[in-house]
Amino acid sequence: LGPAQTIIWPYLATLEGYHNTFSEPE
């Protein structure tokens, strides 16, 4: 349960070939 009792569903995963990129607006 997250804020305001919303449900959050997590998934465990591997992330391959990642080079520290991200969306700057977010």
mmCIF file of all heavy atoms, coordinates in Angstrom:
data_MODEL
# 
_entry.id   MODEL 
# 
loop_
_atom_site.group_PDB 
_atom_site.id 
_atom_site.type_symbol 
_atom_site.label_atom_id 
_atom_site.label_alt_id 
_atom_site.label_comp_id 
_atom_site.label_asym_id 
_atom_site.label_entity_id 
_atom_site.label_seq_id 
_atom_site.pdbx_PDB_ins_code 
_atom_site.Cartn_x 
_atom_site.Cartn_y 
_atom_site.Cartn_z 
_atom_site.occupancy 
_atom_site.B_iso_or_equiv 
_atom_site.pdbx_formal_charge 
_atom_site.auth_seq_id 
_atom_site.auth_comp_id 
_atom_site.auth_asym_id 
_atom_site.auth_atom_id 
_atom_site.pdbx_PDB_model_num 
ATOM 1   N N   . LEU A 1 1  ? 0.843  -1.186  0.000   1.00 0.00 ? 1  LEU A N   1 
ATOM 2   C CA  . LEU A 1 1  ? 0.000  0.000   0.000   1.00 0.00 ? 1  LEU A CA  1 
ATOM 3   C C   . LEU A 1 1  ? 0.882  1.240   0.000   1.00 0.00 ? 1  LEU A C   1 
ATOM 4   O O   . LEU A 1 1  ? 1.774  1.389   0.832   1.00 0.00 ? 1  LEU A O   1 
ATOM 5   C CB  . LEU A 1 1  ? -0.912 0.004   1.232   1.00 0.00 ? 1  LEU A CB  1 
ATOM 6   C CG  . LEU A 1 1  ? -2.053 -1.005  1.225   1.00 0.00 ? 1  LEU A CG  1 
ATOM 7   C CD1 . LEU A 1 1  ? -2.821 -0.928  2.539   1.00 0.00 ? 1  LEU A CD1 1 
ATOM 8   C CD2 . LEU A 1 1  ? -2.989 -0.763  0.043   1.00 0.00 ? 1  LEU A CD2 1 
ATOM 9   N N   . GLY A 1 2  ? 0.613  2.133   -0.937  1.00 0.00 ? 2  GLY A N   1 
ATOM 10  C CA  . GLY A 1 2  ? 1.361  3.371   -1.018  1.00 0.00 ? 2  GLY A CA  1 
ATOM 11  C C   . GLY A 1 2  ? 0.581  4.524   -0.423  1.00 0.00 ? 2  GLY A C   1 
ATOM 12  O O   . GLY A 1 2  ? -0.376 4.320   0.345   1.00 0.00 ? 2  GLY A O   1 
ATOM 13  N N   . PRO A 1 3  ? 0.953  5.758   -0.773  1.00 0.00 ? 3  PRO A N   1 
ATOM 14  C CA  . PRO A 1 3  ? 0.229  6.927   -0.280  1.00 0.00 ? 3  PRO A CA  1 
ATOM 15  C C   . PRO A 1 3  ? -1.257 6.849   -0.637  1.00 0.00 ? 3  PRO A C   1 
ATOM 16  O O   . PRO A 1 3  ? -1.623 6.358   -1.694  1.00 0.00 ? 3  PRO A O   1 
ATOM 17  C CB  . PRO A 1 3  ? 0.914  8.087   -1.014  1.00 0.00 ? 3  PRO A CB  1 
ATOM 18  C CG  . PRO A 1 3  ? 2.274  7.576   -1.341  1.00 0.00 ? 3  PRO A CG  1 
ATOM 19  C CD  . PRO A 1 3  ? 2.095  6.112   -1.626  1.00 0.00 ? 3  PRO A CD  1 
ATOM 20  N N   . ALA A 1 4  ? -2.075 7.328   0.269   1.00 0.00 ? 4  ALA A N   1 
ATOM 21  C CA  . ALA A 1 4  ? -3.535 7.343   0.082   1.00 0.00 ? 4  ALA A CA  1 
ATOM 22  C C   . ALA A 1 4  ? -4.092 5.940   -0.169  1.00 0.00 ? 4  ALA A C   1 
ATOM 23  O O   . ALA A 1 4  ? -5.120 5.765   -0.817  1.00 0.00 ? 4  ALA A O   1 
ATOM 24  C CB  . ALA A 1 4  ? -3.923 8.267   -1.069  1.00 0.00 ? 4  ALA A CB  1 
ATOM 25  N N   . GLN A 1 5  ? -3.405 4.918   0.363   1.00 0.00 ? 5  GLN A N   1 
ATOM 26  C CA  . GLN A 1 5  ? -3.873 3.537   0.268   1.00 0.00 ? 5  GLN A CA  1 
ATOM 27  C C   . GLN A 1 5  ? -3.936 3.018   -1.164  1.00 0.00 ? 5  GLN A C   1 
ATOM 28  O O   . GLN A 1 5  ? -4.697 2.092   -1.471  1.00 0.00 ? 5  GLN A O   1 
ATOM 29  C CB  . GLN A 1 5  ? -5.238 3.397   0.943   1.00 0.00 ? 5  GLN A CB  1 
ATOM 30  C CG  . GLN A 1 5  ? -5.221 3.716   2.422   1.00 0.00 ? 5  GLN A CG  1 
ATOM 31  C CD  . GLN A 1 5  ? -4.277 2.794   3.189   1.00 0.00 ? 5  GLN A CD  1 
ATOM 32  O OE1 . GLN A 1 5  ? -4.565 1.629   3.380   1.00 0.00 ? 5  GLN A OE1 1 
ATOM 33  N NE2 . GLN A 1 5  ? -3.154 3.321   3.622   1.00 0.00 ? 5  GLN A NE2 1 
ATOM 34  N N   . THR A 1 6  ? -3.157 3.597   -2.064  1.00 0.00 ? 6  THR A N   1 
ATOM 35  C CA  . THR A 1 6  ? -3.070 3.068   -3.419  1.00 0.00 ? 6  THR A CA  1 
ATOM 36  C C   . THR A 1 6  ? -2.225 1.795   -3.408  1.00 0.00 ? 6  THR A C   1 
ATOM 37  O O   . THR A 1 6  ? -1.334 1.637   -2.589  1.00 0.00 ? 6  THR A O   1 
ATOM 38  C CB  . THR A 1 6  ? -2.435 4.094   -4.364  1.00 0.00 ? 6  THR A CB  1 
ATOM 39  O OG1 . THR A 1 6  ? -1.150 4.489   -3.835  1.00 0.00 ? 6  THR A OG1 1 
ATOM 40  C CG2 . THR A 1 6  ? -3.314 5.329   -4.488  1.00 0.00 ? 6  THR A CG2 1 
ATOM 41  N N   . ILE A 1 7  ? -2.522 0.887   -4.332  1.00 0.00 ? 7  ILE A N   1 
ATOM 42  C CA  . ILE A 1 7  ? -1.798 -0.372  -4.411  1.00 0.00 ? 7  ILE A CA  1 
ATOM 43  C C   . ILE A 1 7  ? -0.634 -0.233  -5.391  1.00 0.00 ? 7  ILE A C   1 
ATOM 44  O O   . ILE A 1 7  ? -0.812 0.264   -6.505  1.00 0.00 ? 7  ILE A O   1 
ATOM 45  C CB  . ILE A 1 7  ? -2.719 -1.516  -4.853  1.00 0.00 ? 7  ILE A CB  1 
ATOM 46  C CG1 . ILE A 1 7  ? -3.882 -1.673  -3.870  1.00 0.00 ? 7  ILE A CG1 1 
ATOM 47  C CG2 . ILE A 1 7  ? -1.952 -2.827  -4.962  1.00 0.00 ? 7  ILE A CG2 1 
ATOM 48  C CD1 . ILE A 1 7  ? -4.903 -2.708  -4.297  1.00 0.00 ? 7  ILE A CD1 1 
ATOM 49  N N   . ILE A 1 8  ? 0.545  -0.679  -4.977  1.00 0.00 ? 8  ILE A N   1 
ATOM 50  C CA  . ILE A 1 8  ? 1.725  -0.658  -5.827  1.00 0.00 ? 8  ILE A CA  1 
ATOM 51  C C   . ILE A 1 8  ? 2.165  -2.102  -6.051  1.00 0.00 ? 8  ILE A C   1 
ATOM 52  O O   . ILE A 1 8  ? 2.360  -2.855  -5.096  1.00 0.00 ? 8  ILE A O   1 
ATOM 53  C CB  . ILE A 1 8  ? 2.875  0.137   -5.186  1.00 0.00 ? 8  ILE A CB  1 
ATOM 54  C CG1 . ILE A 1 8  ? 2.422  1.559   -4.852  1.00 0.00 ? 8  ILE A CG1 1 
ATOM 55  C CG2 . ILE A 1 8  ? 4.086  0.160   -6.121  1.00 0.00 ? 8  ILE A CG2 1 
ATOM 56  C CD1 . ILE A 1 8  ? 3.463  2.360   -4.083  1.00 0.00 ? 8  ILE A CD1 1 
ATOM 57  N N   . TRP A 1 9  ? 2.336  -2.472  -7.324  1.00 0.00 ? 9  TRP A N   1 
ATOM 58  C CA  . TRP A 1 9  ? 2.750  -3.829  -7.679  1.00 0.00 ? 9  TRP A CA  1 
ATOM 59  C C   . TRP A 1 9  ? 4.204  -3.798  -8.142  1.00 0.00 ? 9  TRP A C   1 
ATOM 60  O O   . TRP A 1 9  ? 4.506  -3.301  -9.217  1.00 0.00 ? 9  TRP A O   1 
ATOM 61  C CB  . TRP A 1 9  ? 1.856  -4.388  -8.790  1.00 0.00 ? 9  TRP A CB  1 
ATOM 62  C CG  . TRP A 1 9  ? 0.400  -4.427  -8.424  1.00 0.00 ? 9  TRP A CG  1 
ATOM 63  C CD1 . TRP A 1 9  ? -0.578 -3.573  -8.854  1.00 0.00 ? 9  TRP A CD1 1 
ATOM 64  C CD2 . TRP A 1 9  ? -0.235 -5.359  -7.551  1.00 0.00 ? 9  TRP A CD2 1 
ATOM 65  N NE1 . TRP A 1 9  ? -1.793 -3.911  -8.300  1.00 0.00 ? 9  TRP A NE1 1 
ATOM 66  C CE2 . TRP A 1 9  ? -1.611 -5.008  -7.499  1.00 0.00 ? 9  TRP A CE2 1 
ATOM 67  C CE3 . TRP A 1 9  ? 0.214  -6.449  -6.819  1.00 0.00 ? 9  TRP A CE3 1 
ATOM 68  C CZ2 . TRP A 1 9  ? -2.524 -5.716  -6.729  1.00 0.00 ? 9  TRP A CZ2 1 
ATOM 69  C CZ3 . TRP A 1 9  ? -0.704 -7.155  -6.057  1.00 0.00 ? 9  TRP A CZ3 1 
ATOM 70  C CH2 . TRP A 1 9  ? -2.050 -6.791  -6.023  1.00 0.00 ? 9  TRP A CH2 1 
ATOM 71  N N   . PRO A 1 10 ? 5.136  -4.350  -7.335  1.00 0.00 ? 10 PRO A N   1 
ATOM 72  C CA  . PRO A 1 10 ? 6.552  -4.333  -7.719  1.00 0.00 ? 10 PRO A CA  1 
ATOM 73  C C   . PRO A 1 10 ? 6.955  -5.590  -8.514  1.00 0.00 ? 10 PRO A C   1 
ATOM 74  O O   . PRO A 1 10 ? 6.402  -6.672  -8.306  1.00 0.00 ? 10 PRO A O   1 
ATOM 75  C CB  . PRO A 1 10 ? 7.291  -4.307  -6.369  1.00 0.00 ? 10 PRO A CB  1 
ATOM 76  C CG  . PRO A 1 10 ? 6.213  -4.253  -5.313  1.00 0.00 ? 10 PRO A CG  1 
ATOM 77  C CD  . PRO A 1 10 ? 4.969  -4.763  -5.951  1.00 0.00 ? 10 PRO A CD  1 
ATOM 78  N N   . TYR A 1 11 ? 7.941  -5.404  -9.389  1.00 0.00 ? 11 TYR A N   1 
ATOM 79  C CA  . TYR A 1 11 ? 8.508  -6.515  -10.145 1.00 0.00 ? 11 TYR A CA  1 
ATOM 80  C C   . TYR A 1 11 ? 10.022 -6.461  -10.044 1.00 0.00 ? 11 TYR A C   1 
ATOM 81  O O   . TYR A 1 11 ? 10.635 -5.413  -10.287 1.00 0.00 ? 11 TYR A O   1 
ATOM 82  C CB  . TYR A 1 11 ? 8.084  -6.439  -11.623 1.00 0.00 ? 11 TYR A CB  1 
ATOM 83  C CG  . TYR A 1 11 ? 6.641  -6.819  -11.822 1.00 0.00 ? 11 TYR A CG  1 
ATOM 84  C CD1 . TYR A 1 11 ? 5.632  -5.873  -11.647 1.00 0.00 ? 11 TYR A CD1 1 
ATOM 85  C CD2 . TYR A 1 11 ? 6.277  -8.129  -12.143 1.00 0.00 ? 11 TYR A CD2 1 
ATOM 86  C CE1 . TYR A 1 11 ? 4.293  -6.223  -11.791 1.00 0.00 ? 11 TYR A CE1 1 
ATOM 87  C CE2 . TYR A 1 11 ? 4.937  -8.482  -12.290 1.00 0.00 ? 11 TYR A CE2 1 
ATOM 88  C CZ  . TYR A 1 11 ? 3.962  -7.528  -12.113 1.00 0.00 ? 11 TYR A CZ  1 
ATOM 89  O OH  . TYR A 1 11 ? 2.644  -7.885  -12.246 1.00 0.00 ? 11 TYR A OH  1 
ATOM 90  N N   . LEU A 1 12 ? 10.606 -7.591  -9.673  1.00 0.00 ? 12 LEU A N   1 
ATOM 91  C CA  . LEU A 1 12 ? 12.058 -7.701  -9.608  1.00 0.00 ? 12 LEU A CA  1 
ATOM 92  C C   . LEU A 1 12 ? 12.574 -8.005  -11.005 1.00 0.00 ? 12 LEU A C   1 
ATOM 93  O O   . LEU A 1 12 ? 12.049 -8.877  -11.698 1.00 0.00 ? 12 LEU A O   1 
ATOM 94  C CB  . LEU A 1 12 ? 12.443 -8.823  -8.643  1.00 0.00 ? 12 LEU A CB  1 
ATOM 95  C CG  . LEU A 1 12 ? 13.934 -9.077  -8.441  1.00 0.00 ? 12 LEU A CG  1 
ATOM 96  C CD1 . LEU A 1 12 ? 14.580 -7.886  -7.733  1.00 0.00 ? 12 LEU A CD1 1 
ATOM 97  C CD2 . LEU A 1 12 ? 14.151 -10.356 -7.638  1.00 0.00 ? 12 LEU A CD2 1 
ATOM 98  N N   . ALA A 1 13 ? 13.618 -7.277  -11.418 1.00 0.00 ? 13 ALA A N   1 
ATOM 99  C CA  . ALA A 1 13 ? 14.124 -7.450  -12.784 1.00 0.00 ? 13 ALA A CA  1 
ATOM 100 C C   . ALA A 1 13 ? 15.596 -7.098  -12.859 1.00 0.00 ? 13 ALA A C   1 
ATOM 101 O O   . ALA A 1 13 ? 16.124 -6.369  -12.007 1.00 0.00 ? 13 ALA A O   1 
ATOM 102 C CB  . ALA A 1 13 ? 13.326 -6.584  -13.754 1.00 0.00 ? 13 ALA A CB  1 
ATOM 103 N N   . THR A 1 14 ? 16.250 -7.613  -13.885 1.00 0.00 ? 14 THR A N   1 
ATOM 104 C CA  . THR A 1 14 ? 17.602 -7.164  -14.187 1.00 0.00 ? 14 THR A CA  1 
ATOM 105 C C   . THR A 1 14 ? 17.519 -6.101  -15.274 1.00 0.00 ? 14 THR A C   1 
ATOM 106 O O   . THR A 1 14 ? 16.612 -6.131  -16.116 1.00 0.00 ? 14 THR A O   1 
ATOM 107 C CB  . THR A 1 14 ? 18.494 -8.322  -14.669 1.00 0.00 ? 14 THR A CB  1 
ATOM 108 O OG1 . THR A 1 14 ? 17.901 -8.922  -15.840 1.00 0.00 ? 14 THR A OG1 1 
ATOM 109 C CG2 . THR A 1 14 ? 18.651 -9.366  -13.572 1.00 0.00 ? 14 THR A CG2 1 
ATOM 110 N N   . LEU A 1 15 ? 18.457 -5.174  -15.235 1.00 0.00 ? 15 LEU A N   1 
ATOM 111 C CA  . LEU A 1 15 ? 18.549 -4.124  -16.249 1.00 0.00 ? 15 LEU A CA  1 
ATOM 112 C C   . LEU A 1 15 ? 19.939 -4.219  -16.859 1.00 0.00 ? 15 LEU A C   1 
ATOM 113 O O   . LEU A 1 15 ? 20.939 -4.004  -16.170 1.00 0.00 ? 15 LEU A O   1 
ATOM 114 C CB  . LEU A 1 15 ? 18.310 -2.758  -15.617 1.00 0.00 ? 15 LEU A CB  1 
ATOM 115 C CG  . LEU A 1 15 ? 18.414 -1.539  -16.544 1.00 0.00 ? 15 LEU A CG  1 
ATOM 116 C CD1 . LEU A 1 15 ? 17.419 -1.655  -17.699 1.00 0.00 ? 15 LEU A CD1 1 
ATOM 117 C CD2 . LEU A 1 15 ? 18.178 -0.254  -15.765 1.00 0.00 ? 15 LEU A CD2 1 
ATOM 118 N N   . GLU A 1 16 ? 19.993 -4.549  -18.142 1.00 0.00 ? 16 GLU A N   1 
ATOM 119 C CA  . GLU A 1 16 ? 21.271 -4.793  -18.802 1.00 0.00 ? 16 GLU A CA  1 
ATOM 120 C C   . GLU A 1 16 ? 21.627 -3.643  -19.743 1.00 0.00 ? 16 GLU A C   1 
ATOM 121 O O   . GLU A 1 16 ? 20.764 -2.997  -20.324 1.00 0.00 ? 16 GLU A O   1 
ATOM 122 C CB  . GLU A 1 16 ? 21.199 -6.117  -19.573 1.00 0.00 ? 16 GLU A CB  1 
ATOM 123 C CG  . GLU A 1 16 ? 20.870 -7.316  -18.686 1.00 0.00 ? 16 GLU A CG  1 
ATOM 124 C CD  . GLU A 1 16 ? 20.645 -8.589  -19.472 1.00 0.00 ? 16 GLU A CD  1 
ATOM 125 O OE1 . GLU A 1 16 ? 20.636 -8.525  -20.722 1.00 0.00 ? 16 GLU A OE1 1 
ATOM 126 O OE2 . GLU A 1 16 ? 20.447 -9.641  -18.849 1.00 0.00 ? 16 GLU A OE2 1 
ATOM 127 N N   . GLY A 1 17 ? 22.938 -3.410  -19.881 1.00 0.00 ? 17 GLY A N   1 
ATOM 128 C CA  . GLY A 1 17 ? 23.425 -2.400  -20.819 1.00 0.00 ? 17 GLY A CA  1 
ATOM 129 C C   . GLY A 1 17 ? 22.967 -0.994  -20.496 1.00 0.00 ? 17 GLY A C   1 
ATOM 130 O O   . GLY A 1 17 ? 22.745 -0.182  -21.413 1.00 0.00 ? 17 GLY A O   1 
ATOM 131 N N   . TYR A 1 18 ? 22.837 -0.687  -19.223 1.00 0.00 ? 18 TYR A N   1 
ATOM 132 C CA  . TYR A 1 18 ? 22.355 0.635   -18.819 1.00 0.00 ? 18 TYR A CA  1 
ATOM 133 C C   . TYR A 1 18 ? 23.528 1.597   -18.648 1.00 0.00 ? 18 TYR A C   1 
ATOM 134 O O   . TYR A 1 18 ? 24.549 1.250   -18.060 1.00 0.00 ? 18 TYR A O   1 
ATOM 135 C CB  . TYR A 1 18 ? 21.568 0.537   -17.510 1.00 0.00 ? 18 TYR A CB  1 
ATOM 136 C CG  . TYR A 1 18 ? 21.055 1.864   -17.015 1.00 0.00 ? 18 TYR A CG  1 
ATOM 137 C CD1 . TYR A 1 18 ? 20.168 2.607   -17.777 1.00 0.00 ? 18 TYR A CD1 1 
ATOM 138 C CD2 . TYR A 1 18 ? 21.480 2.384   -15.787 1.00 0.00 ? 18 TYR A CD2 1 
ATOM 139 C CE1 . TYR A 1 18 ? 19.695 3.833   -17.340 1.00 0.00 ? 18 TYR A CE1 1 
ATOM 140 C CE2 . TYR A 1 18 ? 21.003 3.599   -15.342 1.00 0.00 ? 18 TYR A CE2 1 
ATOM 141 C CZ  . TYR A 1 18 ? 20.120 4.318   -16.119 1.00 0.00 ? 18 TYR A CZ  1 
ATOM 142 O OH  . TYR A 1 18 ? 19.650 5.539   -15.677 1.00 0.00 ? 18 TYR A OH  1 
ATOM 143 N N   . HIS A 1 19 ? 23.367 2.825   -19.152 1.00 0.00 ? 19 HIS A N   1 
ATOM 144 C CA  . HIS A 1 19 ? 24.456 3.804   -19.146 1.00 0.00 ? 19 HIS A CA  1 
ATOM 145 C C   . HIS A 1 19 ? 24.034 5.130   -18.502 1.00 0.00 ? 19 HIS A C   1 
ATOM 146 O O   . HIS A 1 19 ? 24.354 6.214   -18.997 1.00 0.00 ? 19 HIS A O   1 
ATOM 147 C CB  . HIS A 1 19 ? 24.960 4.043   -20.571 1.00 0.00 ? 19 HIS A CB  1 
ATOM 148 C CG  . HIS A 1 19 ? 25.488 2.787   -21.235 1.00 0.00 ? 19 HIS A CG  1 
ATOM 149 N ND1 . HIS A 1 19 ? 26.644 2.155   -20.834 1.00 0.00 ? 19 HIS A ND1 1 
ATOM 150 C CD2 . HIS A 1 19 ? 24.983 2.035   -22.245 1.00 0.00 ? 19 HIS A CD2 1 
ATOM 151 C CE1 . HIS A 1 19 ? 26.855 1.078   -21.567 1.00 0.00 ? 19 HIS A CE1 1 
ATOM 152 N NE2 . HIS A 1 19 ? 25.857 0.979   -22.436 1.00 0.00 ? 19 HIS A NE2 1 
ATOM 153 N N   . ASN A 1 20 ? 23.306 5.039   -17.406 1.00 0.00 ? 20 ASN A N   1 
ATOM 154 C CA  . ASN A 1 20 ? 22.945 6.213   -16.597 1.00 0.00 ? 20 ASN A CA  1 
ATOM 155 C C   . ASN A 1 20 ? 22.106 7.245   -17.358 1.00 0.00 ? 20 ASN A C   1 
ATOM 156 O O   . ASN A 1 20 ? 22.175 8.444   -17.081 1.00 0.00 ? 20 ASN A O   1 
ATOM 157 C CB  . ASN A 1 20 ? 24.200 6.878   -16.025 1.00 0.00 ? 20 ASN A CB  1 
ATOM 158 C CG  . ASN A 1 20 ? 24.923 5.996   -15.040 1.00 0.00 ? 20 ASN A CG  1 
ATOM 159 O OD1 . ASN A 1 20 ? 24.307 5.308   -14.236 1.00 0.00 ? 20 ASN A OD1 1 
ATOM 160 N ND2 . ASN A 1 20 ? 26.248 5.991   -15.120 1.00 0.00 ? 20 ASN A ND2 1 
ATOM 161 N N   . THR A 1 21 ? 21.305 6.792   -18.286 1.00 0.00 ? 21 THR A N   1 
ATOM 162 C CA  . THR A 1 21 ? 20.402 7.696   -18.992 1.00 0.00 ? 21 THR A CA  1 
ATOM 163 C C   . THR A 1 21 ? 19.107 7.840   -18.209 1.00 0.00 ? 21 THR A C   1 
ATOM 164 O O   . THR A 1 21 ? 18.705 6.937   -17.471 1.00 0.00 ? 21 THR A O   1 
ATOM 165 C CB  . THR A 1 21 ? 20.085 7.158   -20.393 1.00 0.00 ? 21 THR A CB  1 
ATOM 166 O OG1 . THR A 1 21 ? 19.567 5.815   -20.277 1.00 0.00 ? 21 THR A OG1 1 
ATOM 167 C CG2 . THR A 1 21 ? 21.332 7.146   -21.257 1.00 0.00 ? 21 THR A CG2 1 
ATOM 168 N N   . PHE A 1 22 ? 18.439 8.978   -18.359 1.00 0.00 ? 22 PHE A N   1 
ATOM 169 C CA  . PHE A 1 22 ? 17.136 9.183   -17.728 1.00 0.00 ? 22 PHE A CA  1 
ATOM 170 C C   . PHE A 1 22 ? 16.432 10.375  -18.356 1.00 0.00 ? 22 PHE A C   1 
ATOM 171 O O   . PHE A 1 22 ? 17.068 11.234  -18.996 1.00 0.00 ? 22 PHE A O   1 
ATOM 172 C CB  . PHE A 1 22 ? 17.270 9.381   -16.214 1.00 0.00 ? 22 PHE A CB  1 
ATOM 173 C CG  . PHE A 1 22 ? 18.212 10.473  -15.796 1.00 0.00 ? 22 PHE A CG  1 
ATOM 174 C CD1 . PHE A 1 22 ? 17.797 11.792  -15.715 1.00 0.00 ? 22 PHE A CD1 1 
ATOM 175 C CD2 . PHE A 1 22 ? 19.543 10.177  -15.492 1.00 0.00 ? 22 PHE A CD2 1 
ATOM 176 C CE1 . PHE A 1 22 ? 18.665 12.795  -15.327 1.00 0.00 ? 22 PHE A CE1 1 
ATOM 177 C CE2 . PHE A 1 22 ? 20.418 11.171  -15.102 1.00 0.00 ? 22 PHE A CE2 1 
ATOM 178 C CZ  . PHE A 1 22 ? 19.986 12.483  -15.015 1.00 0.00 ? 22 PHE A CZ  1 
ATOM 179 N N   . SER A 1 23 ? 15.130 10.425  -18.164 1.00 0.00 ? 23 SER A N   1 
ATOM 180 C CA  . SER A 1 23 ? 14.302 11.515  -18.689 1.00 0.00 ? 23 SER A CA  1 
ATOM 181 C C   . SER A 1 23 ? 14.364 12.697  -17.727 1.00 0.00 ? 23 SER A C   1 
ATOM 182 O O   . SER A 1 23 ? 13.822 12.628  -16.614 1.00 0.00 ? 23 SER A O   1 
ATOM 183 C CB  . SER A 1 23 ? 12.850 11.037  -18.859 1.00 0.00 ? 23 SER A CB  1 
ATOM 184 O OG  . SER A 1 23 ? 12.001 12.115  -19.191 1.00 0.00 ? 23 SER A OG  1 
ATOM 185 N N   . GLU A 1 24 ? 15.015 13.777  -18.117 1.00 0.00 ? 24 GLU A N   1 
ATOM 186 C CA  . GLU A 1 24 ? 15.219 14.916  -17.216 1.00 0.00 ? 24 GLU A CA  1 
ATOM 187 C C   . GLU A 1 24 ? 13.931 15.577  -16.732 1.00 0.00 ? 24 GLU A C   1 
ATOM 188 O O   . GLU A 1 24 ? 13.893 16.066  -15.600 1.00 0.00 ? 24 GLU A O   1 
ATOM 189 C CB  . GLU A 1 24 ? 16.131 15.943  -17.878 1.00 0.00 ? 24 GLU A CB  1 
ATOM 190 C CG  . GLU A 1 24 ? 17.550 15.418  -18.088 1.00 0.00 ? 24 GLU A CG  1 
ATOM 191 C CD  . GLU A 1 24 ? 18.491 16.479  -18.620 1.00 0.00 ? 24 GLU A CD  1 
ATOM 192 O OE1 . GLU A 1 24 ? 18.057 17.650  -18.775 1.00 0.00 ? 24 GLU A OE1 1 
ATOM 193 O OE2 . GLU A 1 24 ? 19.665 16.153  -18.881 1.00 0.00 ? 24 GLU A OE2 1 
ATOM 194 N N   . PRO A 1 25 ? 12.846 15.614  -17.528 1.00 0.00 ? 25 PRO A N   1 
ATOM 195 C CA  . PRO A 1 25 ? 11.604 16.187  -16.983 1.00 0.00 ? 25 PRO A CA  1 
ATOM 196 C C   . PRO A 1 25 ? 11.036 15.405  -15.802 1.00 0.00 ? 25 PRO A C   1 
ATOM 197 O O   . PRO A 1 25 ? 10.283 15.952  -15.001 1.00 0.00 ? 25 PRO A O   1 
ATOM 198 C CB  . PRO A 1 25 ? 10.647 16.149  -18.184 1.00 0.00 ? 25 PRO A CB  1 
ATOM 199 C CG  . PRO A 1 25 ? 11.542 16.162  -19.381 1.00 0.00 ? 25 PRO A CG  1 
ATOM 200 C CD  . PRO A 1 25 ? 12.736 15.336  -18.968 1.00 0.00 ? 25 PRO A CD  1 
ATOM 201 N N   . GLU A 1 26 ? 11.388 14.115  -15.708 1.00 0.00 ? 26 GLU A N   1 
ATOM 202 C CA  . GLU A 1 26 ? 10.836 13.271  -14.650 1.00 0.00 ? 26 GLU A CA  1 
ATOM 203 C C   . GLU A 1 26 ? 11.840 12.936  -13.554 1.00 0.00 ? 26 GLU A C   1 
ATOM 204 O O   . GLU A 1 26 ? 11.465 12.744  -12.390 1.00 0.00 ? 26 GLU A O   1 
ATOM 205 C CB  . GLU A 1 26 ? 10.323 11.957  -15.246 1.00 0.00 ? 26 GLU A CB  1 
ATOM 206 C CG  . GLU A 1 26 ? 9.211  12.098  -16.263 1.00 0.00 ? 26 GLU A CG  1 
ATOM 207 C CD  . GLU A 1 26 ? 8.793  10.762  -16.834 1.00 0.00 ? 26 GLU A CD  1 
ATOM 208 O OE1 . GLU A 1 26 ? 7.918  10.106  -16.220 1.00 0.00 ? 26 GLU A OE1 1 
ATOM 209 O OE2 . GLU A 1 26 ? 9.330  10.362  -17.873 1.00 0.00 ? 26 GLU A OE2 1 
# 
